[in-house]
Amino acid sequence: IAFGILEQSESALSSVYFSYDPDYEKMSLGHLGALSEILYAKSIGLEYYYLGYWVEENKYMRYKSRYTPHQLYDWKEQTWKLADNSSKG
């Protein structure tokens, strides 16, 4: 009812794509998928887990801001910065 596509590097696991049958939306399969991927990354000794691209205005991606602590890439300064979640939902 769900599947994910991952990319692995030497130190990180990146969630490239995750999809599920909308008939099971109330089961929070996206969250279950992310938690499973985090556990998998830890089990094989990876240092980082990336939820993939985040578009703040996209309501379907809002859940990504709830995983804390997390960092966002600052494209202008080309550095990772700790996110301020005080106003995120």
PDB file of N, CA and C in Angstrom:
ATOM      1  N   ILE A   1       0.813  -1.211   0.000  1.00  0.00           N
ATOM      2  CA  ILE A   1       0.000   0.000   0.000  1.00  0.00           C
ATOM      3  C   ILE A   1       0.855   1.273   0.000  1.00  0.00           C
ATOM      4  N   ALA A   2       2.190   1.080   0.154  1.00  0.00           N
ATOM      5  CA  ALA A   2       3.102   2.228   0.142  1.00  0.00           C
ATOM      6  C   ALA A   2       4.475   1.777  -0.340  1.00  0.00           C
ATOM      7  N   PHE A   3       5.243   2.731  -0.844  1.00  0.00           N
ATOM      8  CA  PHE A   3       6.626   2.426  -1.226  1.00  0.00           C
ATOM      9  C   PHE A   3       7.459   3.693  -1.152  1.00  0.00           C
ATOM     10  N   GLY A   4       8.747   3.494  -0.970  1.00  0.00           N
ATOM     11  CA  GLY A   4       9.664   4.612  -0.932  1.00  0.00           C
ATOM     12  C   GLY A   4      10.878   4.336  -1.793  1.00  0.00           C
ATOM     13  N   ILE A   5      11.467   5.378  -2.326  1.00  0.00           N
ATOM     14  CA  ILE A   5      12.704   5.290  -3.093  1.00  0.00           C
ATOM     15  C   ILE A   5      13.755   6.075  -2.320  1.00  0.00           C
ATOM     16  N   LEU A   6      14.875   5.421  -2.029  1.00  0.00           N
ATOM     17  CA  LEU A   6      15.932   6.009  -1.214  1.00  0.00           C
ATOM     18  C   LEU A   6      17.226   6.108  -1.995  1.00  0.00           C
ATOM     19  N   GLU A   7      18.068   7.033  -1.560  1.00  0.00           N
ATOM     20  CA  GLU A   7      19.416   7.139  -2.102  1.00  0.00           C
ATOM     21  C   GLU A   7      20.365   7.146  -0.911  1.00  0.00           C
ATOM     22  N   GLN A   8      21.408   6.343  -1.001  1.00  0.00           N
ATOM     23  CA  GLN A   8      22.352   6.233   0.101  1.00  0.00           C
ATOM     24  C   GLN A   8      23.736   6.691  -0.333  1.00  0.00           C
ATOM     25  N   SER A   9      24.365   7.484   0.536  1.00  0.00           N
ATOM     26  CA  SER A   9      25.752   7.874   0.334  1.00  0.00           C
ATOM     27  C   SER A   9      26.569   7.263   1.471  1.00  0.00           C
ATOM     28  N   GLU A  10      27.814   7.658   1.590  1.00  0.00           N
ATOM     29  CA  GLU A  10      28.659   7.097   2.646  1.00  0.00           C
ATOM     30  C   GLU A  10      28.173   7.463   4.042  1.00  0.00           C
ATOM     31  N   SER A  11      27.566   8.649   4.190  1.00  0.00           N
ATOM     32  CA  SER A  11      27.174   9.095   5.525  1.00  0.00           C
ATOM     33  C   SER A  11      25.693   9.420   5.683  1.00  0.00           C
ATOM     34  N   ALA A  12      24.906   9.260   4.613  1.00  0.00           N
ATOM     35  CA  ALA A  12      23.513   9.704   4.700  1.00  0.00           C
ATOM     36  C   ALA A  12      22.558   8.830   3.895  1.00  0.00           C
ATOM     37  N   LEU A  13      21.301   8.895   4.317  1.00  0.00           N
ATOM     38  CA  LEU A  13      20.208   8.278   3.585  1.00  0.00           C
ATOM     39  C   LEU A  13      19.262   9.400   3.199  1.00  0.00           C
ATOM     40  N   SER A  14      18.854   9.446   1.951  1.00  0.00           N
ATOM     41  CA  SER A  14      17.970  10.497   1.469  1.00  0.00           C
ATOM     42  C   SER A  14      16.685   9.879   0.944  1.00  0.00           C
ATOM     43  N   SER A  15      15.562  10.394   1.413  1.00  0.00           N
ATOM     44  CA  SER A  15      14.261   9.948   0.937  1.00  0.00           C
ATOM     45  C   SER A  15      13.962  10.703  -0.357  1.00  0.00           C
ATOM     46  N   VAL A  16      14.050  10.009  -1.464  1.00  0.00           N
ATOM     47  CA  VAL A  16      13.860  10.637  -2.766  1.00  0.00           C
ATOM     48  C   VAL A  16      12.377  10.784  -3.080  1.00  0.00           C
ATOM     49  N   TYR A  17      11.608   9.733  -2.782  1.00  0.00           N
ATOM     50  CA  TYR A  17      10.181   9.749  -3.109  1.00  0.00           C
ATOM     51  C   TYR A  17       9.465   8.742  -2.229  1.00  0.00           C
ATOM     52  N   PHE A  18       8.279   9.096  -1.757  1.00  0.00           N
ATOM     53  CA  PHE A  18       7.451   8.178  -0.994  1.00  0.00           C
ATOM     54  C   PHE A  18       6.016   8.359  -1.449  1.00  0.00           C
ATOM     55  N   SER A  19       5.328   7.254  -1.679  1.00  0.00           N
ATOM     56  CA  SER A  19       3.956   7.320  -2.152  1.00  0.00           C
ATOM     57  C   SER A  19       3.134   6.222  -1.474  1.00  0.00           C
ATOM     58  N   TYR A  20       1.840   6.483  -1.332  1.00  0.00           N
ATOM     59  CA  TYR A  20       0.956   5.484  -0.727  1.00  0.00           C
ATOM     60  C   TYR A  20      -0.434   5.590  -1.336  1.00  0.00           C
ATOM     61  N   ASP A  21      -1.180   4.525  -1.168  1.00  0.00           N
ATOM     62  CA  ASP A  21      -2.552   4.464  -1.649  1.00  0.00           C
ATOM     63  C   ASP A  21      -3.386   5.458  -0.833  1.00  0.00           C
ATOM     64  N   PRO A  22      -4.042   6.420  -1.474  1.00  0.00           N
ATOM     65  CA  PRO A  22      -4.811   7.423  -0.735  1.00  0.00           C
ATOM     66  C   PRO A  22      -5.953   6.836   0.098  1.00  0.00           C
ATOM     67  N   ASP A  23      -6.370   5.607  -0.191  1.00  0.00           N
ATOM     68  CA  ASP A  23      -7.405   4.964   0.624  1.00  0.00           C
ATOM     69  C   ASP A  23      -6.931   4.741   2.057  1.00  0.00           C
ATOM     70  N   TYR A  24      -5.604   4.799   2.272  1.00  0.00           N
ATOM     71  CA  TYR A  24      -5.021   4.560   3.593  1.00  0.00           C
ATOM     72  C   TYR A  24      -4.445   5.835   4.207  1.00  0.00           C
ATOM     73  N   GLU A  25      -4.882   6.983   3.741  1.00  0.00           N
ATOM     74  CA  GLU A  25      -4.332   8.266   4.190  1.00  0.00           C
ATOM     75  C   GLU A  25      -4.410   8.443   5.711  1.00  0.00           C
ATOM     76  N   LYS A  26      -5.474   7.981   6.323  1.00  0.00           N
ATOM     77  CA  LYS A  26      -5.655   8.161   7.773  1.00  0.00           C
ATOM     78  C   LYS A  26      -4.665   7.348   8.600  1.00  0.00           C
ATOM     79  N   MET A  27      -3.922   6.456   7.975  1.00  0.00           N
ATOM     80  CA  MET A  27      -2.944   5.638   8.700  1.00  0.00           C
ATOM     81  C   MET A  27      -1.592   6.346   8.844  1.00  0.00           C
ATOM     82  N   SER A  28      -1.478   7.553   8.332  1.00  0.00           N
ATOM     83  CA  SER A  28      -0.229   8.336   8.423  1.00  0.00           C
ATOM     84  C   SER A  28       0.967   7.556   7.885  1.00  0.00           C
ATOM     85  N   LEU A  29       0.804   6.974   6.722  1.00  0.00           N
ATOM     86  CA  LEU A  29       1.875   6.158   6.144  1.00  0.00           C
ATOM     87  C   LEU A  29       3.120   6.975   5.802  1.00  0.00           C
ATOM     88  N   GLY A  30       2.961   8.244   5.501  1.00  0.00           N
ATOM     89  CA  GLY A  30       4.130   9.091   5.246  1.00  0.00           C
ATOM     90  C   GLY A  30       5.015   9.191   6.481  1.00  0.00           C
ATOM     91  N   HIS A  31       4.386   9.381   7.632  1.00  0.00           N
ATOM     92  CA  HIS A  31       5.145   9.432   8.887  1.00  0.00           C
ATOM     93  C   HIS A  31       5.772   8.082   9.204  1.00  0.00           C
ATOM     94  N   LEU A  32       5.007   7.028   9.016  1.00  0.00           N
ATOM     95  CA  LEU A  32       5.543   5.684   9.254  1.00  0.00           C
ATOM     96  C   LEU A  32       6.733   5.414   8.344  1.00  0.00           C
ATOM     97  N   GLY A  33       6.624   5.832   7.083  1.00  0.00           N
ATOM     98  CA  GLY A  33       7.732   5.660   6.142  1.00  0.00           C
ATOM     99  C   GLY A  33       8.973   6.413   6.589  1.00  0.00           C
ATOM    100  N   ALA A  34       8.804   7.668   6.997  1.00  0.00           N
ATOM    101  CA  ALA A  34       9.948   8.476   7.443  1.00  0.00           C
ATOM    102  C   ALA A  34      10.584   7.864   8.683  1.00  0.00           C
ATOM    103  N   LEU A  35       9.780   7.454   9.648  1.00  0.00           N
ATOM    104  CA  LEU A  35      10.331   6.845  10.860  1.00  0.00           C
ATOM    105  C   LEU A  35      11.056   5.538  10.550  1.00  0.00           C
ATOM    106  N   SER A  36      10.505   4.752   9.643  1.00  0.00           N
ATOM    107  CA  SER A  36      11.166   3.504   9.229  1.00  0.00           C
ATOM    108  C   SER A  36      12.502   3.790   8.557  1.00  0.00           C
ATOM    109  N   GLU A  37      12.536   4.816   7.718  1.00  0.00           N
ATOM    110  CA  GLU A  37      13.782   5.185   7.042  1.00  0.00           C
ATOM    111  C   GLU A  37      14.824   5.701   8.033  1.00  0.00           C
ATOM    112  N   ILE A  38      14.378   6.474   9.028  1.00  0.00           N
ATOM    113  CA  ILE A  38      15.296   6.964  10.058  1.00  0.00           C
ATOM    114  C   ILE A  38      15.898   5.785  10.823  1.00  0.00           C
ATOM    115  N   LEU A  39      15.060   4.838  11.214  1.00  0.00           N
ATOM    116  CA  LEU A  39      15.551   3.651  11.927  1.00  0.00           C
ATOM    117  C   LEU A  39      16.514   2.847  11.060  1.00  0.00           C
ATOM    118  N   TYR A  40      16.208   2.732   9.783  1.00  0.00           N
ATOM    119  CA  TYR A  40      17.093   2.005   8.872  1.00  0.00           C
ATOM    120  C   TYR A  40      18.449   2.700   8.778  1.00  0.00           C
ATOM    121  N   ALA A  41      18.434   4.031   8.620  1.00  0.00           N
ATOM    122  CA  ALA A  41      19.686   4.793   8.529  1.00  0.00           C
ATOM    123  C   ALA A  41      20.530   4.583   9.788  1.00  0.00           C
ATOM    124  N   LYS A  42      19.886   4.633  10.945  1.00  0.00           N
ATOM    125  CA  LYS A  42      20.613   4.419  12.205  1.00  0.00           C
ATOM    126  C   LYS A  42      21.163   2.996  12.285  1.00  0.00           C
ATOM    127  N   SER A  43      20.372   2.025  11.838  1.00  0.00           N
ATOM    128  CA  SER A  43      20.776   0.616  11.960  1.00  0.00           C
ATOM    129  C   SER A  43      22.002   0.275  11.116  1.00  0.00           C
ATOM    130  N   ILE A  44      22.230   1.032  10.053  1.00  0.00           N
ATOM    131  CA  ILE A  44      23.411   0.764   9.220  1.00  0.00           C
ATOM    132  C   ILE A  44      24.519   1.785   9.465  1.00  0.00           C
ATOM    133  N   GLY A  45      24.351   2.578  10.528  1.00  0.00           N
ATOM    134  CA  GLY A  45      25.414   3.475  10.971  1.00  0.00           C
ATOM    135  C   GLY A  45      25.578   4.767  10.206  1.00  0.00           C
ATOM    136  N   LEU A  46      24.522   5.231   9.553  1.00  0.00           N
ATOM    137  CA  LEU A  46      24.621   6.491   8.821  1.00  0.00           C
ATOM    138  C   LEU A  46      24.415   7.672   9.755  1.00  0.00           C
ATOM    139  N   GLU A  47      25.100   8.762   9.471  1.00  0.00           N
ATOM    140  CA  GLU A  47      25.068   9.941  10.335  1.00  0.00           C
ATOM    141  C   GLU A  47      23.869  10.849  10.073  1.00  0.00           C
ATOM    142  N   TYR A  48      23.390  10.879   8.814  1.00  0.00           N
ATOM    143  CA  TYR A  48      22.344  11.820   8.443  1.00  0.00           C
ATOM    144  C   TYR A  48      21.191  11.136   7.728  1.00  0.00           C
ATOM    145  N   TYR A  49      20.013  11.760   7.870  1.00  0.00           N
ATOM    146  CA  TYR A  49      18.824  11.357   7.133  1.00  0.00           C
ATOM    147  C   TYR A  49      18.213  12.621   6.540  1.00  0.00           C
ATOM    148  N   TYR A  50      17.948  12.590   5.250  1.00  0.00           N
ATOM    149  CA  TYR A  50      17.350  13.734   4.563  1.00  0.00           C
ATOM    150  C   TYR A  50      15.931  13.381   4.131  1.00  0.00           C
ATOM    151  N   LEU A  51      14.983  14.239   4.485  1.00  0.00           N
ATOM    152  CA  LEU A  51      13.596  14.036   4.077  1.00  0.00           C
ATOM    153  C   LEU A  51      13.363  14.439   2.625  1.00  0.00           C
ATOM    154  N   GLY A  52      14.371  14.949   1.979  1.00  0.00           N
ATOM    155  CA  GLY A  52      14.223  15.381   0.600  1.00  0.00           C
ATOM    156  C   GLY A  52      13.816  16.839   0.514  1.00  0.00           C
ATOM    157  N   TYR A  53      13.500  17.278  -0.675  1.00  0.00           N
ATOM    158  CA  TYR A  53      13.145  18.680  -0.895  1.00  0.00           C
ATOM    159  C   TYR A  53      11.909  19.064  -0.102  1.00  0.00           C
ATOM    160  N   TRP A  54      11.881  20.320   0.323  1.00  0.00           N
ATOM    161  CA  TRP A  54      10.755  20.859   1.072  1.00  0.00           C
ATOM    162  C   TRP A  54      10.349  22.179   0.451  1.00  0.00           C
ATOM    163  N   VAL A  55       9.082  22.304   0.123  1.00  0.00           N
ATOM    164  CA  VAL A  55       8.526  23.551  -0.388  1.00  0.00           C
ATOM    165  C   VAL A  55       7.527  24.021   0.668  1.00  0.00           C
ATOM    166  N   GLU A  56       7.882  25.080   1.370  1.00  0.00           N
ATOM    167  CA  GLU A  56       7.092  25.535   2.516  1.00  0.00           C
ATOM    168  C   GLU A  56       5.625  25.774   2.161  1.00  0.00           C
ATOM    169  N   GLU A  57       5.345  26.291   0.982  1.00  0.00           N
ATOM    170  CA  GLU A  57       3.982  26.609   0.583  1.00  0.00           C
ATOM    171  C   GLU A  57       3.153  25.372   0.215  1.00  0.00           C
ATOM    172  N   ASN A  58       3.799  24.238   0.043  1.00  0.00           N
ATOM    173  CA  ASN A  58       3.103  23.014  -0.348  1.00  0.00           C
ATOM    174  C   ASN A  58       2.547  22.322   0.897  1.00  0.00           C
ATOM    175  N   LYS A  59       1.219  22.270   1.021  1.00  0.00           N
ATOM    176  CA  LYS A  59       0.604  21.711   2.228  1.00  0.00           C
ATOM    177  C   LYS A  59       0.931  20.232   2.420  1.00  0.00           C
ATOM    178  N   TYR A  60       1.212  19.522   1.345  1.00  0.00           N
ATOM    179  CA  TYR A  60       1.541  18.104   1.454  1.00  0.00           C
ATOM    180  C   TYR A  60       2.960  17.878   1.989  1.00  0.00           C
ATOM    181  N   MET A  61       3.769  18.911   2.000  1.00  0.00           N
ATOM    182  CA  MET A  61       5.137  18.799   2.514  1.00  0.00           C
ATOM    183  C   MET A  61       5.271  19.383   3.922  1.00  0.00           C
ATOM    184  N   ARG A  62       4.201  19.930   4.464  1.00  0.00           N
ATOM    185  CA  ARG A  62       4.249  20.575   5.778  1.00  0.00           C
ATOM    186  C   ARG A  62       4.763  19.647   6.873  1.00  0.00           C
ATOM    187  N   TYR A  63       4.448  18.369   6.756  1.00  0.00           N
ATOM    188  CA  TYR A  63       4.857  17.412   7.788  1.00  0.00           C
ATOM    189  C   TYR A  63       6.374  17.396   7.983  1.00  0.00           C
ATOM    190  N   LYS A  64       7.126  17.724   6.961  1.00  0.00           N
ATOM    191  CA  LYS A  64       8.588  17.665   7.054  1.00  0.00           C
ATOM    192  C   LYS A  64       9.130  18.633   8.099  1.00  0.00           C
ATOM    193  N   SER A  65       8.461  19.750   8.299  1.00  0.00           N
ATOM    194  CA  SER A  65       8.942  20.744   9.270  1.00  0.00           C
ATOM    195  C   SER A  65       8.715  20.289  10.708  1.00  0.00           C
ATOM    196  N   ARG A  66       7.938  19.239  10.905  1.00  0.00           N
ATOM    197  CA  ARG A  66       7.637  18.757  12.259  1.00  0.00           C
ATOM    198  C   ARG A  66       8.721  17.845  12.824  1.00  0.00           C
ATOM    199  N   TYR A  67       9.614  17.380  11.986  1.00  0.00           N
ATOM    200  CA  TYR A  67      10.708  16.534  12.460  1.00  0.00           C
ATOM    201  C   TYR A  67      11.820  17.447  12.972  1.00  0.00           C
ATOM    202  N   THR A  68      12.075  17.364  14.265  1.00  0.00           N
ATOM    203  CA  THR A  68      13.054  18.258  14.869  1.00  0.00           C
ATOM    204  C   THR A  68      14.071  17.482  15.685  1.00  0.00           C
ATOM    205  N   PRO A  69      15.241  18.036  15.886  1.00  0.00           N
ATOM    206  CA  PRO A  69      15.707  19.243  15.202  1.00  0.00           C
ATOM    207  C   PRO A  69      16.033  18.921  13.753  1.00  0.00           C
ATOM    208  N   HIS A  70      15.993  19.912  12.916  1.00  0.00           N
ATOM    209  CA  HIS A  70      16.386  19.710  11.517  1.00  0.00           C
ATOM    210  C   HIS A  70      17.068  20.959  10.978  1.00  0.00           C
ATOM    211  N   GLN A  71      17.749  20.748   9.879  1.00  0.00           N
ATOM    212  CA  GLN A  71      18.460  21.839   9.228  1.00  0.00           C
ATOM    213  C   GLN A  71      17.877  22.077   7.845  1.00  0.00           C
ATOM    214  N   LEU A  72      17.995  23.312   7.393  1.00  0.00           N
ATOM    215  CA  LEU A  72      17.603  23.686   6.037  1.00  0.00           C
ATOM    216  C   LEU A  72      18.826  24.227   5.322  1.00  0.00           C
ATOM    217  N   TYR A  73      18.888  23.970   4.033  1.00  0.00           N
ATOM    218  CA  TYR A  73      20.020  24.459   3.248  1.00  0.00           C
ATOM    219  C   TYR A  73      19.737  25.885   2.805  1.00  0.00           C
ATOM    220  N   ASP A  74      20.673  26.772   3.088  1.00  0.00           N
ATOM    221  CA  ASP A  74      20.582  28.162   2.661  1.00  0.00           C
ATOM    222  C   ASP A  74      21.303  28.268   1.317  1.00  0.00           C
ATOM    223  N   TRP A  75      20.537  28.380   0.250  1.00  0.00           N
ATOM    224  CA  TRP A  75      21.112  28.374  -1.095  1.00  0.00           C
ATOM    225  C   TRP A  75      21.961  29.612  -1.359  1.00  0.00           C
ATOM    226  N   LYS A  76      21.616  30.741  -0.748  1.00  0.00           N
ATOM    227  CA  LYS A  76      22.395  31.962  -0.956  1.00  0.00           C
ATOM    228  C   LYS A  76      23.768  31.854  -0.317  1.00  0.00           C
ATOM    229  N   GLU A  77      23.803  31.349   0.922  1.00  0.00           N
ATOM    230  CA  GLU A  77      25.076  31.236   1.638  1.00  0.00           C
ATOM    231  C   GLU A  77      25.749  29.874   1.449  1.00  0.00           C
ATOM    232  N   GLN A  78      25.021  28.950   0.829  1.00  0.00           N
ATOM    233  CA  GLN A  78      25.512  27.596   0.554  1.00  0.00           C
ATOM    234  C   GLN A  78      26.004  26.896   1.826  1.00  0.00           C
ATOM    235  N   THR A  79      25.157  26.974   2.870  1.00  0.00           N
ATOM    236  CA  THR A  79      25.460  26.312   4.134  1.00  0.00           C
ATOM    237  C   THR A  79      24.171  25.732   4.722  1.00  0.00           C
ATOM    238  N   TRP A  80      24.337  24.767   5.607  1.00  0.00           N
ATOM    239  CA  TRP A  80      23.210  24.206   6.346  1.00  0.00           C
ATOM    240  C   TRP A  80      23.002  25.029   7.604  1.00  0.00           C
ATOM    241  N   LYS A  81      21.734  25.325   7.931  1.00  0.00           N
ATOM    242  CA  LYS A  81      21.404  26.107   9.122  1.00  0.00           C
ATOM    243  C   LYS A  81      20.298  25.412   9.906  1.00  0.00           C
ATOM    244  N   LEU A  82      20.424  25.473  11.236  1.00  0.00           N
ATOM    245  CA  LEU A  82      19.404  24.905  12.098  1.00  0.00           C
ATOM    246  C   LEU A  82      18.106  25.669  11.896  1.00  0.00           C
ATOM    247  N   ALA A  83      17.008  24.948  11.671  1.00  0.00           N
ATOM    248  CA  ALA A  83      15.711  25.576  11.421  1.00  0.00           C
ATOM    249  C   ALA A  83      15.098  26.082  12.710  1.00  0.00           C
ATOM    250  N   ASP A  84      14.403  27.187  12.615  1.00  0.00           N
ATOM    251  CA  ASP A  84      13.649  27.736  13.723  1.00  0.00           C
ATOM    252  C   ASP A  84      12.215  27.268  13.569  1.00  0.00           C
ATOM    253  N   ASN A  85      11.783  26.350  14.427  1.00  0.00           N
ATOM    254  CA  ASN A  85      10.450  25.772  14.303  1.00  0.00           C
ATOM    255  C   ASN A  85       9.404  26.460  15.166  1.00  0.00           C
ATOM    256  N   SER A  86       9.705  27.587  15.730  1.00  0.00           N
ATOM    257  CA  SER A  86       8.784  28.233  16.640  1.00  0.00           C
ATOM    258  C   SER A  86       7.455  28.620  15.967  1.00  0.00           C
ATOM    259  N   SER A  87       7.472  28.834  14.652  1.00  0.00           N
ATOM    260  CA  SER A  87       6.235  29.253  13.976  1.00  0.00           C
ATOM    261  C   SER A  87       5.742  28.223  12.968  1.00  0.00           C
ATOM    262  N   LYS A  88       6.354  27.061  12.934  1.00  0.00           N
ATOM    263  CA  LYS A  88       5.958  26.044  11.952  1.00  0.00           C
ATOM    264  C   LYS A  88       4.834  25.185  12.514  1.00  0.00           C
ATOM    265  N   GLY A  89       3.993  24.646  11.590  1.00  0.00           N
ATOM    266  CA  GLY A  89       2.900  23.793  12.044  1.00  0.00           C
ATOM    267  C   GLY A  89       2.961  22.517  11.400  1.00  0.00           C
TER     268      GLY A  89
END
